[in-house]
Amino acid sequence: MQKNRRIYSLNIISYLAMNNIEFKLLMDNDNKVYAVVENEISDLLEEYKSNDFLQKFLHSYQEIRRFIKENKNIK
């Protein structure tokens, strides 16, 4: 990964924070949050992608969020 690249994934940004990687949070013109990382993080991103437990957790979380979104206005 290139240095100073924008990262929009909140999951990845959280993973970077959990691993004590310094980054700067900013907002783009569409009010989307992104992080700019100055360090080389390719190895850490590979670790993130290959962590089966973490990926299962994120998938479950995504399913719950989808359920909430689809059902929040149904009474």
PDB file of N, CA and C in Angstrom:
ATOM      1  N   MET A   1       0.842  -1.181   0.000  1.00  0.00           N
ATOM      2  CA  MET A   1       0.000   0.000   0.000  1.00  0.00           C
ATOM      3  C   MET A   1       0.885   1.241   0.000  1.00  0.00           C
ATOM      4  N   GLN A   2       0.451   2.222  -0.707  1.00  0.00           N
ATOM      5  CA  GLN A   2       1.217   3.461  -0.784  1.00  0.00           C
ATOM      6  C   GLN A   2       1.083   4.252   0.513  1.00  0.00           C
ATOM      7  N   LYS A   3       2.100   5.018   0.805  1.00  0.00           N
ATOM      8  CA  LYS A   3       2.037   5.894   1.965  1.00  0.00           C
ATOM      9  C   LYS A   3       1.086   7.045   1.660  1.00  0.00           C
ATOM     10  N   ASN A   4       0.451   7.576   2.700  1.00  0.00           N
ATOM     11  CA  ASN A   4      -0.485   8.691   2.613  1.00  0.00           C
ATOM     12  C   ASN A   4      -1.711   8.379   1.766  1.00  0.00           C
ATOM     13  N   ARG A   5      -2.057   7.119   1.680  1.00  0.00           N
ATOM     14  CA  ARG A   5      -3.249   6.720   0.939  1.00  0.00           C
ATOM     15  C   ARG A   5      -4.473   6.876   1.834  1.00  0.00           C
ATOM     16  N   ARG A   6      -5.589   7.268   1.234  1.00  0.00           N
ATOM     17  CA  ARG A   6      -6.835   7.401   1.980  1.00  0.00           C
ATOM     18  C   ARG A   6      -7.443   6.026   2.236  1.00  0.00           C
ATOM     19  N   ILE A   7      -7.875   5.813   3.466  1.00  0.00           N
ATOM     20  CA  ILE A   7      -8.551   4.576   3.843  1.00  0.00           C
ATOM     21  C   ILE A   7      -9.937   4.960   4.335  1.00  0.00           C
ATOM     22  N   TYR A   8     -10.954   4.482   3.632  1.00  0.00           N
ATOM     23  CA  TYR A   8     -12.333   4.815   3.974  1.00  0.00           C
ATOM     24  C   TYR A   8     -13.013   3.761   4.837  1.00  0.00           C
ATOM     25  N   SER A   9     -12.491   2.569   4.896  1.00  0.00           N
ATOM     26  CA  SER A   9     -13.123   1.492   5.664  1.00  0.00           C
ATOM     27  C   SER A   9     -12.973   1.752   7.162  1.00  0.00           C
ATOM     28  N   LEU A  10     -14.107   1.940   7.829  1.00  0.00           N
ATOM     29  CA  LEU A  10     -14.054   2.160   9.273  1.00  0.00           C
ATOM     30  C   LEU A  10     -13.540   0.926   9.995  1.00  0.00           C
ATOM     31  N   ASN A  11     -13.810  -0.252   9.444  1.00  0.00           N
ATOM     32  CA  ASN A  11     -13.288  -1.483  10.042  1.00  0.00           C
ATOM     33  C   ASN A  11     -11.765  -1.493  10.000  1.00  0.00           C
ATOM     34  N   ILE A  12     -11.200  -1.141   8.864  1.00  0.00           N
ATOM     35  CA  ILE A  12      -9.733  -1.121   8.742  1.00  0.00           C
ATOM     36  C   ILE A  12      -9.142  -0.016   9.607  1.00  0.00           C
ATOM     37  N   ILE A  13      -9.783   1.139   9.628  1.00  0.00           N
ATOM     38  CA  ILE A  13      -9.293   2.236  10.467  1.00  0.00           C
ATOM     39  C   ILE A  13      -9.281   1.798  11.933  1.00  0.00           C
ATOM     40  N   SER A  14     -10.339   1.120  12.356  1.00  0.00           N
ATOM     41  CA  SER A  14     -10.399   0.619  13.738  1.00  0.00           C
ATOM     42  C   SER A  14      -9.298  -0.393  14.006  1.00  0.00           C
ATOM     43  N   TYR A  15      -9.044  -1.253  13.024  1.00  0.00           N
ATOM     44  CA  TYR A  15      -7.982  -2.252  13.168  1.00  0.00           C
ATOM     45  C   TYR A  15      -6.621  -1.573  13.293  1.00  0.00           C
ATOM     46  N   LEU A  16      -6.402  -0.524  12.526  1.00  0.00           N
ATOM     47  CA  LEU A  16      -5.150   0.230  12.628  1.00  0.00           C
ATOM     48  C   LEU A  16      -5.008   0.846  14.018  1.00  0.00           C
ATOM     49  N   ALA A  17      -6.093   1.422  14.521  1.00  0.00           N
ATOM     50  CA  ALA A  17      -6.061   2.030  15.856  1.00  0.00           C
ATOM     51  C   ALA A  17      -5.766   0.980  16.922  1.00  0.00           C
ATOM     52  N   MET A  18      -6.386  -0.196  16.775  1.00  0.00           N
ATOM     53  CA  MET A  18      -6.178  -1.280  17.727  1.00  0.00           C
ATOM     54  C   MET A  18      -4.717  -1.728  17.744  1.00  0.00           C
ATOM     55  N   ASN A  19      -4.026  -1.552  16.620  1.00  0.00           N
ATOM     56  CA  ASN A  19      -2.622  -1.943  16.514  1.00  0.00           C
ATOM     57  C   ASN A  19      -1.672  -0.758  16.682  1.00  0.00           C
ATOM     58  N   ASN A  20      -2.177   0.314  17.279  1.00  0.00           N
ATOM     59  CA  ASN A  20      -1.380   1.504  17.606  1.00  0.00           C
ATOM     60  C   ASN A  20      -0.707   2.144  16.399  1.00  0.00           C
ATOM     61  N   ILE A  21      -1.376   2.109  15.249  1.00  0.00           N
ATOM     62  CA  ILE A  21      -0.875   2.784  14.055  1.00  0.00           C
ATOM     63  C   ILE A  21      -1.410   4.208  14.067  1.00  0.00           C
ATOM     64  N   GLU A  22      -0.529   5.163  13.891  1.00  0.00           N
ATOM     65  CA  GLU A  22      -0.952   6.557  13.876  1.00  0.00           C
ATOM     66  C   GLU A  22      -1.535   6.905  12.515  1.00  0.00           C
ATOM     67  N   PHE A  23      -2.635   7.645  12.551  1.00  0.00           N
ATOM     68  CA  PHE A  23      -3.270   8.116  11.327  1.00  0.00           C
ATOM     69  C   PHE A  23      -3.986   9.420  11.633  1.00  0.00           C
ATOM     70  N   LYS A  24      -4.349  10.108  10.584  1.00  0.00           N
ATOM     71  CA  LYS A  24      -5.078  11.357  10.721  1.00  0.00           C
ATOM     72  C   LYS A  24      -6.467  11.140  10.147  1.00  0.00           C
ATOM     73  N   LEU A  25      -7.510  11.436  10.929  1.00  0.00           N
ATOM     74  CA  LEU A  25      -8.883  11.329  10.447  1.00  0.00           C
ATOM     75  C   LEU A  25      -9.295  12.635   9.793  1.00  0.00           C
ATOM     76  N   LEU A  26      -9.895  12.517   8.627  1.00  0.00           N
ATOM     77  CA  LEU A  26     -10.355  13.677   7.875  1.00  0.00           C
ATOM     78  C   LEU A  26     -11.721  13.374   7.280  1.00  0.00           C
ATOM     79  N   MET A  27     -12.351  14.390   6.697  1.00  0.00           N
ATOM     80  CA  MET A  27     -13.615  14.198   5.985  1.00  0.00           C
ATOM     81  C   MET A  27     -13.458  14.743   4.577  1.00  0.00           C
ATOM     82  N   ASP A  28     -14.022  14.012   3.611  1.00  0.00           N
ATOM     83  CA  ASP A  28     -13.949  14.481   2.234  1.00  0.00           C
ATOM     84  C   ASP A  28     -15.123  15.421   1.944  1.00  0.00           C
ATOM     85  N   ASN A  29     -15.247  15.844   0.707  1.00  0.00           N
ATOM     86  CA  ASN A  29     -16.295  16.797   0.328  1.00  0.00           C
ATOM     87  C   ASN A  29     -17.699  16.217   0.437  1.00  0.00           C
ATOM     88  N   ASP A  30     -17.811  14.902   0.478  1.00  0.00           N
ATOM     89  CA  ASP A  30     -19.107  14.236   0.636  1.00  0.00           C
ATOM     90  C   ASP A  30     -19.376  13.861   2.090  1.00  0.00           C
ATOM     91  N   ASN A  31     -18.588  14.433   3.001  1.00  0.00           N
ATOM     92  CA  ASN A  31     -18.700  14.173   4.445  1.00  0.00           C
ATOM     93  C   ASN A  31     -18.450  12.720   4.817  1.00  0.00           C
ATOM     94  N   LYS A  32     -17.622  12.033   4.053  1.00  0.00           N
ATOM     95  CA  LYS A  32     -17.219  10.671   4.390  1.00  0.00           C
ATOM     96  C   LYS A  32     -15.897  10.735   5.139  1.00  0.00           C
ATOM     97  N   VAL A  33     -15.822   9.980   6.214  1.00  0.00           N
ATOM     98  CA  VAL A  33     -14.612   9.946   7.040  1.00  0.00           C
ATOM     99  C   VAL A  33     -13.585   9.027   6.393  1.00  0.00           C
ATOM    100  N   TYR A  34     -12.333   9.463   6.420  1.00  0.00           N
ATOM    101  CA  TYR A  34     -11.236   8.617   5.948  1.00  0.00           C
ATOM    102  C   TYR A  34     -10.010   8.880   6.802  1.00  0.00           C
ATOM    103  N   ALA A  35      -9.080   7.945   6.750  1.00  0.00           N
ATOM    104  CA  ALA A  35      -7.825   8.075   7.487  1.00  0.00           C
ATOM    105  C   ALA A  35      -6.681   8.191   6.496  1.00  0.00           C
ATOM    106  N   VAL A  36      -5.703   8.971   6.855  1.00  0.00           N
ATOM    107  CA  VAL A  36      -4.462   9.058   6.093  1.00  0.00           C
ATOM    108  C   VAL A  36      -3.363   8.491   6.984  1.00  0.00           C
ATOM    109  N   VAL A  37      -2.675   7.484   6.452  1.00  0.00           N
ATOM    110  CA  VAL A  37      -1.631   6.790   7.203  1.00  0.00           C
ATOM    111  C   VAL A  37      -0.290   7.079   6.553  1.00  0.00           C
ATOM    112  N   GLU A  38       0.670   7.492   7.348  1.00  0.00           N
ATOM    113  CA  GLU A  38       1.995   7.781   6.807  1.00  0.00           C
ATOM    114  C   GLU A  38       2.902   6.557   6.813  1.00  0.00           C
ATOM    115  N   ASN A  39       2.614   5.590   7.672  1.00  0.00           N
ATOM    116  CA  ASN A  39       3.457   4.395   7.777  1.00  0.00           C
ATOM    117  C   ASN A  39       3.094   3.371   6.714  1.00  0.00           C
ATOM    118  N   GLU A  40       4.025   2.483   6.437  1.00  0.00           N
ATOM    119  CA  GLU A  40       3.764   1.340   5.557  1.00  0.00           C
ATOM    120  C   GLU A  40       2.959   0.319   6.361  1.00  0.00           C
ATOM    121  N   ILE A  41       1.788  -0.048   5.857  1.00  0.00           N
ATOM    122  CA  ILE A  41       0.903  -0.941   6.613  1.00  0.00           C
ATOM    123  C   ILE A  41       0.495  -2.181   5.815  1.00  0.00           C
ATOM    124  N   SER A  42       1.183  -2.480   4.745  1.00  0.00           N
ATOM    125  CA  SER A  42       0.813  -3.623   3.896  1.00  0.00           C
ATOM    126  C   SER A  42       0.745  -4.924   4.682  1.00  0.00           C
ATOM    127  N   ASP A  43       1.733  -5.181   5.530  1.00  0.00           N
ATOM    128  CA  ASP A  43       1.745  -6.421   6.313  1.00  0.00           C
ATOM    129  C   ASP A  43       0.560  -6.478   7.272  1.00  0.00           C
ATOM    130  N   LEU A  44       0.246  -5.349   7.881  1.00  0.00           N
ATOM    131  CA  LEU A  44      -0.873  -5.299   8.814  1.00  0.00           C
ATOM    132  C   LEU A  44      -2.202  -5.512   8.089  1.00  0.00           C
ATOM    133  N   LEU A  45      -2.335  -4.960   6.892  1.00  0.00           N
ATOM    134  CA  LEU A  45      -3.560  -5.170   6.116  1.00  0.00           C
ATOM    135  C   LEU A  45      -3.701  -6.623   5.691  1.00  0.00           C
ATOM    136  N   GLU A  46      -2.596  -7.255   5.380  1.00  0.00           N
ATOM    137  CA  GLU A  46      -2.620  -8.679   5.031  1.00  0.00           C
ATOM    138  C   GLU A  46      -3.054  -9.504   6.242  1.00  0.00           C
ATOM    139  N   GLU A  47      -2.559  -9.123   7.407  1.00  0.00           N
ATOM    140  CA  GLU A  47      -2.947  -9.783   8.657  1.00  0.00           C
ATOM    141  C   GLU A  47      -4.447  -9.605   8.907  1.00  0.00           C
ATOM    142  N   TYR A  48      -4.950  -8.403   8.675  1.00  0.00           N
ATOM    143  CA  TYR A  48      -6.378  -8.091   8.828  1.00  0.00           C
ATOM    144  C   TYR A  48      -7.217  -8.993   7.922  1.00  0.00           C
ATOM    145  N   LYS A  49      -6.815  -9.115   6.672  1.00  0.00           N
ATOM    146  CA  LYS A  49      -7.572  -9.910   5.696  1.00  0.00           C
ATOM    147  C   LYS A  49      -7.528 -11.401   5.997  1.00  0.00           C
ATOM    148  N   SER A  50      -6.448 -11.867   6.575  1.00  0.00           N
ATOM    149  CA  SER A  50      -6.289 -13.307   6.804  1.00  0.00           C
ATOM    150  C   SER A  50      -6.770 -13.763   8.187  1.00  0.00           C
ATOM    151  N   ASN A  51      -7.249 -12.858   9.002  1.00  0.00           N
ATOM    152  CA  ASN A  51      -7.729 -13.193  10.340  1.00  0.00           C
ATOM    153  C   ASN A  51      -9.164 -13.722  10.232  1.00  0.00           C
ATOM    154  N   ASP A  52      -9.307 -15.040  10.215  1.00  0.00           N
ATOM    155  CA  ASP A  52     -10.621 -15.665  10.026  1.00  0.00           C
ATOM    156  C   ASP A  52     -11.622 -15.274  11.108  1.00  0.00           C
ATOM    157  N   PHE A  53     -11.188 -15.257  12.350  1.00  0.00           N
ATOM    158  CA  PHE A  53     -12.095 -14.902  13.441  1.00  0.00           C
ATOM    159  C   PHE A  53     -12.628 -13.483  13.254  1.00  0.00           C
ATOM    160  N   LEU A  54     -11.739 -12.560  12.946  1.00  0.00           N
ATOM    161  CA  LEU A  54     -12.142 -11.172  12.732  1.00  0.00           C
ATOM    162  C   LEU A  54     -13.105 -11.061  11.558  1.00  0.00           C
ATOM    163  N   GLN A  55     -12.829 -11.755  10.464  1.00  0.00           N
ATOM    164  CA  GLN A  55     -13.692 -11.680   9.287  1.00  0.00           C
ATOM    165  C   GLN A  55     -15.073 -12.263   9.571  1.00  0.00           C
ATOM    166  N   LYS A  56     -15.141 -13.333  10.358  1.00  0.00           N
ATOM    167  CA  LYS A  56     -16.440 -13.896  10.746  1.00  0.00           C
ATOM    168  C   LYS A  56     -17.209 -12.912  11.620  1.00  0.00           C
ATOM    169  N   PHE A  57     -16.503 -12.271  12.539  1.00  0.00           N
ATOM    170  CA  PHE A  57     -17.133 -11.262  13.387  1.00  0.00           C
ATOM    171  C   PHE A  57     -17.698 -10.122  12.542  1.00  0.00           C
ATOM    172  N   LEU A  58     -16.897  -9.603  11.624  1.00  0.00           N
ATOM    173  CA  LEU A  58     -17.340  -8.488  10.790  1.00  0.00           C
ATOM    174  C   LEU A  58     -18.528  -8.874   9.919  1.00  0.00           C
ATOM    175  N   HIS A  59     -18.530 -10.096   9.411  1.00  0.00           N
ATOM    176  CA  HIS A  59     -19.653 -10.559   8.599  1.00  0.00           C
ATOM    177  C   HIS A  59     -20.928 -10.629   9.449  1.00  0.00           C
ATOM    178  N   SER A  60     -20.818 -11.161  10.652  1.00  0.00           N
ATOM    179  CA  SER A  60     -21.975 -11.235  11.552  1.00  0.00           C
ATOM    180  C   SER A  60     -22.486  -9.846  11.894  1.00  0.00           C
ATOM    181  N   TYR A  61     -21.575  -8.951  12.168  1.00  0.00           N
ATOM    182  CA  TYR A  61     -21.939  -7.567  12.479  1.00  0.00           C
ATOM    183  C   TYR A  61     -22.670  -6.933  11.300  1.00  0.00           C
ATOM    184  N   GLN A  62     -22.178  -7.168  10.096  1.00  0.00           N
ATOM    185  CA  GLN A  62     -22.798  -6.629   8.885  1.00  0.00           C
ATOM    186  C   GLN A  62     -24.219  -7.174   8.713  1.00  0.00           C
ATOM    187  N   GLU A  63     -24.418  -8.451   8.983  1.00  0.00           N
ATOM    188  CA  GLU A  63     -25.747  -9.057   8.874  1.00  0.00           C
ATOM    189  C   GLU A  63     -26.717  -8.421   9.877  1.00  0.00           C
ATOM    190  N   ILE A  64     -26.260  -8.179  11.088  1.00  0.00           N
ATOM    191  CA  ILE A  64     -27.105  -7.545  12.102  1.00  0.00           C
ATOM    192  C   ILE A  64     -27.457  -6.130  11.683  1.00  0.00           C
ATOM    193  N   ARG A  65     -26.481  -5.383  11.188  1.00  0.00           N
ATOM    194  CA  ARG A  65     -26.736  -4.012  10.718  1.00  0.00           C
ATOM    195  C   ARG A  65     -27.743  -4.003   9.566  1.00  0.00           C
ATOM    196  N   ARG A  66     -27.612  -4.952   8.658  1.00  0.00           N
ATOM    197  CA  ARG A  66     -28.539  -5.057   7.525  1.00  0.00           C
ATOM    198  C   ARG A  66     -29.959  -5.330   8.036  1.00  0.00           C
ATOM    199  N   PHE A  67     -30.088  -6.240   8.998  1.00  0.00           N
ATOM    200  CA  PHE A  67     -31.393  -6.544   9.578  1.00  0.00           C
ATOM    201  C   PHE A  67     -32.012  -5.291  10.199  1.00  0.00           C
ATOM    202  N   ILE A  68     -31.228  -4.551  10.962  1.00  0.00           N
ATOM    203  CA  ILE A  68     -31.724  -3.331  11.598  1.00  0.00           C
ATOM    204  C   ILE A  68     -32.180  -2.337  10.543  1.00  0.00           C
ATOM    205  N   LYS A  69     -31.381  -2.135   9.520  1.00  0.00           N
ATOM    206  CA  LYS A  69     -31.714  -1.177   8.464  1.00  0.00           C
ATOM    207  C   LYS A  69     -33.009  -1.565   7.758  1.00  0.00           C
ATOM    208  N   GLU A  70     -33.176  -2.848   7.474  1.00  0.00           N
ATOM    209  CA  GLU A  70     -34.358  -3.315   6.751  1.00  0.00           C
ATOM    210  C   GLU A  70     -35.616  -3.312   7.610  1.00  0.00           C
ATOM    211  N   ASN A  71     -35.464  -3.359   8.922  1.00  0.00           N
ATOM    212  CA  ASN A  71     -36.625  -3.512   9.794  1.00  0.00           C
ATOM    213  C   ASN A  71     -36.858  -2.364  10.764  1.00  0.00           C
ATOM    214  N   LYS A  72     -36.084  -1.312  10.711  1.00  0.00           N
ATOM    215  CA  LYS A  72     -36.183  -0.281  11.741  1.00  0.00           C
ATOM    216  C   LYS A  72     -37.488   0.507  11.695  1.00  0.00           C
ATOM    217  N   ASN A  73     -38.144   0.607  10.537  1.00  0.00           N
ATOM    218  CA  ASN A  73     -39.386   1.367  10.445  1.00  0.00           C
ATOM    219  C   ASN A  73     -40.619   0.476  10.407  1.00  0.00           C
ATOM    220  N   ILE A  74     -40.422  -0.813  10.592  1.00  0.00           N
ATOM    221  CA  ILE A  74     -41.540  -1.751  10.600  1.00  0.00           C
ATOM    222  C   ILE A  74     -42.021  -1.906  12.038  1.00  0.00           C
ATOM    223  N   LYS A  75     -43.322  -1.757  12.232  1.00  0.00           N
ATOM    224  CA  LYS A  75     -43.874  -1.900  13.596  1.00  0.00           C
ATOM    225  C   LYS A  75     -44.946  -2.945  13.608  1.00  0.00           C
TER     226      LYS A  75
END
